[in-house]
């Protein structure tokens, strides 16, 4: 688990607050769970009962399967749906996730490289 991202989320409360609100959960409980995870170096086995539910619905979506915006952002497909322009699976890799949060620019390594070369 990326401890840098956990620490970032703890210090930039809006991500947790927004995710908790959209899940209908109390963000204060989610912050407590985030602190517990940081104190235990990201070991999710320390979570019990409702803590697991908060983790799965508030924290985990901010850590795993975070959508890559692609080198040119969203594009419209043949059916009129907006999709990522990422050609690398559409997910921000763990190595790029912290930088993505810092810059508020969610791109995988390949799309970040492609953007720099454009």
C-alpha atoms as a PDB file:
ATOM      1  CA  UNK A   1       0.000   0.000   0.000  1.00  0.00           C
ATOM      2  CA  UNK A   2       1.301   3.437  -0.943  1.00  0.00           C
ATOM      3  CA  UNK A   3       1.922   5.216   2.381  1.00  0.00           C
ATOM      4  CA  UNK A   4       2.725   8.502   0.628  1.00  0.00           C
ATOM      5  CA  UNK A   5      -0.756   8.522  -0.884  1.00  0.00           C
ATOM      6  CA  UNK A   6      -2.340   7.640   2.475  1.00  0.00           C
ATOM      7  CA  UNK A   7      -0.542  10.559   4.091  1.00  0.00           C
ATOM      8  CA  UNK A   8      -1.544  12.858   1.235  1.00  0.00           C
ATOM      9  CA  UNK A   9      -5.203  11.867   1.608  1.00  0.00           C
ATOM     10  CA  UNK A  10      -5.042  12.501   5.343  1.00  0.00           C
ATOM     11  CA  UNK A  11      -3.659  16.000   4.783  1.00  0.00           C
ATOM     12  CA  UNK A  12      -5.928  16.852   1.845  1.00  0.00           C
ATOM     13  CA  UNK A  13      -9.287  16.100   3.374  1.00  0.00           C
ATOM     14  CA  UNK A  14     -11.527  16.869   0.408  1.00  0.00           C
ATOM     15  CA  UNK A  15     -10.828  13.524  -1.315  1.00  0.00           C
ATOM     16  CA  UNK A  16     -11.945  11.503   1.726  1.00  0.00           C
ATOM     17  CA  UNK A  17     -14.829  13.853   2.494  1.00  0.00           C
ATOM     18  CA  UNK A  18     -16.158  13.679  -1.074  1.00  0.00           C
ATOM     19  CA  UNK A  19     -15.835   9.894  -1.293  1.00  0.00           C
ATOM     20  CA  UNK A  20     -17.446   9.381   2.124  1.00  0.00           C
ATOM     21  CA  UNK A  21     -20.287  11.734   1.250  1.00  0.00           C
ATOM     22  CA  UNK A  22     -20.963   9.970  -2.056  1.00  0.00           C
ATOM     23  CA  UNK A  23     -21.015   6.651  -0.168  1.00  0.00           C
ATOM     24  CA  UNK A  24     -23.302   8.002   2.559  1.00  0.00           C
ATOM     25  CA  UNK A  25     -20.650   7.438   5.233  1.00  0.00           C
ATOM     26  CA  UNK A  26     -19.174   9.590   8.007  1.00  0.00           C
ATOM     27  CA  UNK A  27     -15.864  11.053   6.861  1.00  0.00           C
ATOM     28  CA  UNK A  28     -14.631  11.308  10.476  1.00  0.00           C
ATOM     29  CA  UNK A  29     -14.725   7.523  10.765  1.00  0.00           C
ATOM     30  CA  UNK A  30     -12.907   7.241   7.445  1.00  0.00           C
ATOM     31  CA  UNK A  31     -10.173   9.600   8.685  1.00  0.00           C
ATOM     32  CA  UNK A  32      -9.798   7.462  11.809  1.00  0.00           C
ATOM     33  CA  UNK A  33      -9.362   4.369   9.652  1.00  0.00           C
ATOM     34  CA  UNK A  34      -6.875   6.206   7.456  1.00  0.00           C
ATOM     35  CA  UNK A  35      -4.821   7.126  10.551  1.00  0.00           C
ATOM     36  CA  UNK A  36      -4.980   3.511  11.719  1.00  0.00           C
ATOM     37  CA  UNK A  37      -3.698   2.310   8.346  1.00  0.00           C
ATOM     38  CA  UNK A  38      -0.842   4.823   8.391  1.00  0.00           C
ATOM     39  CA  UNK A  39       0.121   3.790  11.937  1.00  0.00           C
ATOM     40  CA  UNK A  40       0.175   0.149  10.803  1.00  0.00           C
ATOM     41  CA  UNK A  41       2.115   0.819   7.590  1.00  0.00           C
ATOM     42  CA  UNK A  42      -0.876   0.080   5.367  1.00  0.00           C
ATOM     43  CA  UNK A  43      -1.672  -3.328   6.839  1.00  0.00           C
ATOM     44  CA  UNK A  44      -5.390  -3.771   6.174  1.00  0.00           C
ATOM     45  CA  UNK A  45      -5.526  -6.925   8.321  1.00  0.00           C
ATOM     46  CA  UNK A  46      -5.857  -4.635  11.382  1.00  0.00           C
ATOM     47  CA  UNK A  47      -9.287  -3.494  10.190  1.00  0.00           C
ATOM     48  CA  UNK A  48     -12.364  -5.077  11.714  1.00  0.00           C
ATOM     49  CA  UNK A  49     -16.112  -5.004  10.990  1.00  0.00           C
ATOM     50  CA  UNK A  50     -17.363  -1.594   9.887  1.00  0.00           C
ATOM     51  CA  UNK A  51     -13.788  -0.407   9.390  1.00  0.00           C
ATOM     52  CA  UNK A  52     -13.471  -2.813   6.449  1.00  0.00           C
ATOM     53  CA  UNK A  53     -16.682  -1.410   4.975  1.00  0.00           C
ATOM     54  CA  UNK A  54     -15.321   2.156   5.243  1.00  0.00           C
ATOM     55  CA  UNK A  55     -12.027   1.051   3.718  1.00  0.00           C
ATOM     56  CA  UNK A  56     -13.735  -0.700   0.803  1.00  0.00           C
ATOM     57  CA  UNK A  57     -16.106   2.191   0.042  1.00  0.00           C
ATOM     58  CA  UNK A  58     -14.085   5.311   0.862  1.00  0.00           C
ATOM     59  CA  UNK A  59     -10.333   4.679   0.977  1.00  0.00           C
ATOM     60  CA  UNK A  60      -9.748   1.792  -1.433  1.00  0.00           C
ATOM     61  CA  UNK A  61     -11.340   3.556  -4.453  1.00  0.00           C
ATOM     62  CA  UNK A  62      -8.816   6.378  -3.952  1.00  0.00           C
ATOM     63  CA  UNK A  63      -5.917   3.897  -3.997  1.00  0.00           C
ATOM     64  CA  UNK A  64      -6.840   1.218  -6.523  1.00  0.00           C
ATOM     65  CA  UNK A  65      -8.220   1.352 -10.046  1.00  0.00           C
ATOM     66  CA  UNK A  66      -7.905   5.144 -10.190  1.00  0.00           C
ATOM     67  CA  UNK A  67      -8.775   6.120 -13.741  1.00  0.00           C
ATOM     68  CA  UNK A  68      -6.033   7.499 -15.981  1.00  0.00           C
ATOM     69  CA  UNK A  69      -7.171  10.601 -17.864  1.00  0.00           C
ATOM     70  CA  UNK A  70      -4.884   9.807 -20.779  1.00  0.00           C
ATOM     71  CA  UNK A  71      -2.475  12.105 -22.566  1.00  0.00           C
ATOM     72  CA  UNK A  72      -5.248  14.248 -24.065  1.00  0.00           C
ATOM     73  CA  UNK A  73      -8.011  13.711 -21.509  1.00  0.00           C
ATOM     74  CA  UNK A  74     -11.400  12.209 -22.273  1.00  0.00           C
ATOM     75  CA  UNK A  75     -12.451  11.561 -25.858  1.00  0.00           C
ATOM     76  CA  UNK A  76     -15.816  10.671 -27.348  1.00  0.00           C
ATOM     77  CA  UNK A  77     -16.216   7.125 -28.657  1.00  0.00           C
ATOM     78  CA  UNK A  78     -18.414   5.973 -31.563  1.00  0.00           C
ATOM     79  CA  UNK A  79     -21.435   5.657 -29.281  1.00  0.00           C
ATOM     80  CA  UNK A  80     -21.122   9.179 -27.882  1.00  0.00           C
ATOM     81  CA  UNK A  81     -19.657   8.105 -24.522  1.00  0.00           C
ATOM     82  CA  UNK A  82     -16.720   9.959 -23.007  1.00  0.00           C
ATOM     83  CA  UNK A  83     -13.789   7.629 -22.339  1.00  0.00           C
ATOM     84  CA  UNK A  84     -10.172   8.040 -21.294  1.00  0.00           C
ATOM     85  CA  UNK A  85      -7.624   8.523 -24.043  1.00  0.00           C
ATOM     86  CA  UNK A  86      -5.236   6.214 -22.149  1.00  0.00           C
ATOM     87  CA  UNK A  87      -3.839   3.388 -24.268  1.00  0.00           C
ATOM     88  CA  UNK A  88      -2.307   1.575 -21.286  1.00  0.00           C
ATOM     89  CA  UNK A  89      -5.332   0.019 -19.614  1.00  0.00           C
ATOM     90  CA  UNK A  90      -6.895   3.204 -18.227  1.00  0.00           C
ATOM     91  CA  UNK A  91      -5.597   2.815 -14.659  1.00  0.00           C
ATOM     92  CA  UNK A  92      -3.034   5.004 -12.863  1.00  0.00           C
ATOM     93  CA  UNK A  93      -0.175   2.763 -11.748  1.00  0.00           C
ATOM     94  CA  UNK A  94       0.872   2.804  -8.091  1.00  0.00           C
ATOM     95  CA  UNK A  95       4.182   4.500  -8.924  1.00  0.00           C
ATOM     96  CA  UNK A  96       2.348   7.459 -10.534  1.00  0.00           C
ATOM     97  CA  UNK A  97      -0.509   7.742  -8.057  1.00  0.00           C
ATOM     98  CA  UNK A  98       1.200  10.020  -5.520  1.00  0.00           C
ATOM     99  CA  UNK A  99       2.395  12.381  -8.253  1.00  0.00           C
ATOM    100  CA  UNK A 100      -1.099  12.337  -9.751  1.00  0.00           C
ATOM    101  CA  UNK A 101      -2.606  13.466  -6.446  1.00  0.00           C
ATOM    102  CA  UNK A 102       0.087  16.115  -5.948  1.00  0.00           C
ATOM    103  CA  UNK A 103      -0.485  17.589  -9.390  1.00  0.00           C
ATOM    104  CA  UNK A 104      -4.221  16.833  -9.553  1.00  0.00           C
ATOM    105  CA  UNK A 105      -3.427  15.307 -12.943  1.00  0.00           C
ATOM    106  CA  UNK A 106      -4.264  11.603 -13.000  1.00  0.00           C
ATOM    107  CA  UNK A 107      -2.095   9.871 -15.568  1.00  0.00           C
ATOM    108  CA  UNK A 108      -0.272   6.553 -15.719  1.00  0.00           C
ATOM    109  CA  UNK A 109       3.473   6.548 -16.441  1.00  0.00           C
ATOM    110  CA  UNK A 110       3.014   6.000 -20.165  1.00  0.00           C
ATOM    111  CA  UNK A 111       0.427   8.765 -20.590  1.00  0.00           C
ATOM    112  CA  UNK A 112       2.554  11.122 -18.467  1.00  0.00           C
ATOM    113  CA  UNK A 113       5.508  10.384 -20.763  1.00  0.00           C
ATOM    114  CA  UNK A 114       3.373  10.831 -23.885  1.00  0.00           C
ATOM    115  CA  UNK A 115       2.067  14.164 -22.579  1.00  0.00           C
ATOM    116  CA  UNK A 116       5.605  15.429 -21.974  1.00  0.00           C
ATOM    117  CA  UNK A 117       6.603  14.469 -25.527  1.00  0.00           C
ATOM    118  CA  UNK A 118       3.616  16.201 -27.167  1.00  0.00           C
END
